[in-house]
C-alpha atoms as a PDB file:
ATOM      1  CA  MET A   1      -0.373  67.797 -10.590  1.00  0.00           C
ATOM      2  CA  ASN A   2       1.239  68.141  -6.782  1.00  0.00           C
ATOM      3  CA  PHE A   3       2.202  65.372  -4.505  1.00  0.00           C
ATOM      4  CA  ASP A   4      -0.978  64.312  -3.394  1.00  0.00           C
ATOM      5  CA  CYS A   5      -2.136  64.322  -7.252  1.00  0.00           C
ATOM      6  CA  LYS A   6       0.294  61.588  -7.465  1.00  0.00           C
ATOM      7  CA  GLN A   7       0.489  59.798  -5.233  1.00  0.00           C
ATOM      8  CA  LEU A   8      -3.225  58.941  -5.788  1.00  0.00           C
ATOM      9  CA  LEU A   9      -1.973  58.053  -9.604  1.00  0.00           C
ATOM     10  CA  ILE A  10       1.228  55.405  -8.202  1.00  0.00           C
ATOM     11  CA  GLY A  11      -1.525  54.074  -5.439  1.00  0.00           C
ATOM     12  CA  GLY A  12      -3.905  53.212  -8.249  1.00  0.00           C
ATOM     13  CA  LEU A  13      -1.898  51.681 -10.918  1.00  0.00           C
ATOM     14  CA  VAL A  14       0.023  49.995  -8.274  1.00  0.00           C
ATOM     15  CA  GLY A  15      -3.397  48.696  -7.255  1.00  0.00           C
ATOM     16  CA  ALA A  16      -4.036  47.790 -10.556  1.00  0.00           C
ATOM     17  CA  ALA A  17      -1.359  45.826 -10.956  1.00  0.00           C
ATOM     18  CA  VAL A  18      -1.600  43.902  -7.962  1.00  0.00           C
ATOM     19  CA  VAL A  19      -4.916  42.778  -8.940  1.00  0.00           C
ATOM     20  CA  THR A  20      -3.502  42.104 -12.118  1.00  0.00           C
ATOM     21  CA  PHE A  21      -1.413  39.308 -10.673  1.00  0.00           C
ATOM     22  CA  LEU A  22      -4.191  37.745  -8.122  1.00  0.00           C
ATOM     23  CA  ARG A  23      -5.987  36.740 -11.361  1.00  0.00           C
ATOM     24  CA  THR A  24      -3.460  35.289 -12.536  1.00  0.00           C
ATOM     25  CA  ASP A  25      -3.161  30.988 -13.056  1.00  0.00           C
ATOM     26  CA  THR A  26       0.040  31.079 -11.602  1.00  0.00           C
ATOM     27  CA  PHE A  27      -1.222  32.910  -8.654  1.00  0.00           C
ATOM     28  CA  ARG A  28      -4.251  30.278  -8.142  1.00  0.00           C
ATOM     29  CA  LYS A  29      -1.758  27.497  -8.647  1.00  0.00           C
ATOM     30  CA  GLY A  30       0.603  28.887  -6.247  1.00  0.00           C
ATOM     31  CA  CYS A  31      -2.282  29.527  -3.457  1.00  0.00           C
ATOM     32  CA  ALA A  32      -3.206  25.843  -4.302  1.00  0.00           C
ATOM     33  CA  LYS A  33       0.206  24.351  -3.256  1.00  0.00           C
ATOM     34  CA  VAL A  34       0.583  26.398   0.049  1.00  0.00           C
ATOM     35  CA  VAL A  35      -3.465  25.822   0.908  1.00  0.00           C
ATOM     36  CA  ALA A  36      -2.617  21.801  -0.122  1.00  0.00           C
ATOM     37  CA  ALA A  37       0.569  22.081   2.425  1.00  0.00           C
ATOM     38  CA  GLY A  38      -0.668  23.310   5.027  1.00  0.00           C
ATOM     39  CA  LEU A  39      -3.466  20.501   4.898  1.00  0.00           C
ATOM     40  CA  GLN A  40      -1.563  17.886   4.701  1.00  0.00           C
ATOM     41  CA  LEU A  41       0.693  19.346   7.589  1.00  0.00           C
ATOM     42  CA  LYS A  42      -2.811  19.525   9.013  1.00  0.00           C
ATOM     43  CA  ASP A  43      -3.562  16.128   8.920  1.00  0.00           C
ATOM     44  CA  ASP A  44       0.714  14.793   9.313  1.00  0.00           C
ATOM     45  CA  ALA A  45       0.349  16.545  13.056  1.00  0.00           C
ATOM     46  CA  ALA A  46      -3.610  14.390  13.747  1.00  0.00           C
ATOM     47  CA  GLU A  47      -1.674  11.840  12.809  1.00  0.00           C
ATOM     48  CA  PHE A  48       1.410  12.499  15.403  1.00  0.00           C
ATOM     49  CA  VAL A  49      -0.763  13.716  18.122  1.00  0.00           C
ATOM     50  CA  GLU A  50      -2.740  10.082  17.478  1.00  0.00           C
ATOM     51  CA  SER A  51       0.388   8.209  17.847  1.00  0.00           C
ATOM     52  CA  VAL A  52       1.244   9.893  20.761  1.00  0.00           C
ATOM     53  CA  LYS A  53      -1.873   9.277  22.688  1.00  0.00           C
ATOM     54  CA  GLU A  54      -2.005   5.501  21.538  1.00  0.00           C
ATOM     55  CA  ASP A  55       1.936   5.216  23.586  1.00  0.00           C
ATOM     56  CA  ALA A  56       0.952   6.773  26.231  1.00  0.00           C
ATOM     57  CA  GLU A  57      -2.187   4.143  26.793  1.00  0.00           C
ATOM     58  CA  ASP A  58       0.229   2.188  26.173  1.00  0.00           C
ATOM     59  CA  VAL A  59       2.590   3.040  28.777  1.00  0.00           C
ATOM     60  CA  ASN A  60      -0.165   3.790  31.166  1.00  0.00           C
ATOM     61  CA  ALA A  61      -2.075   0.309  30.870  1.00  0.00           C
ATOM     62  CA  GLU A  62       1.094  -0.792  31.230  1.00  0.00           C
ATOM     63  CA  ASN A  63       2.008   0.662  34.120  1.00  0.00           C
ATOM     64  CA  LYS A  64      -1.471  -0.815  35.471  1.00  0.00           C
ATOM     65  CA  GLN A  65      -0.431  -4.299  35.136  1.00  0.00           C
ATOM     66  CA  LYS A  66       2.713  -4.035  36.783  1.00  0.00           C
ATOM     67  CA  GLY A  67       1.081  -2.010  39.633  1.00  0.00           C
ATOM     68  CA  LYS A  68      -1.119  -5.250  39.668  1.00  0.00           C
ATOM     69  CA  ALA A  69       1.260  -7.683  39.571  1.00  0.00           C
END
């Protein structure tokens, strides 16, 4: 075998190993946990932004009340 054939063989073996790993339950469960954590982070960030928005609206309303008084 020359150098190019060795690289092709190694690449094929590594590719087969990766495909086998991607099909395992452990990998799928790990991906599910990562996705779930990402969705939770998104929900937490949206909740935080809504809280900040409400606080800003409250401050704005208080400033308008002070201006009228």
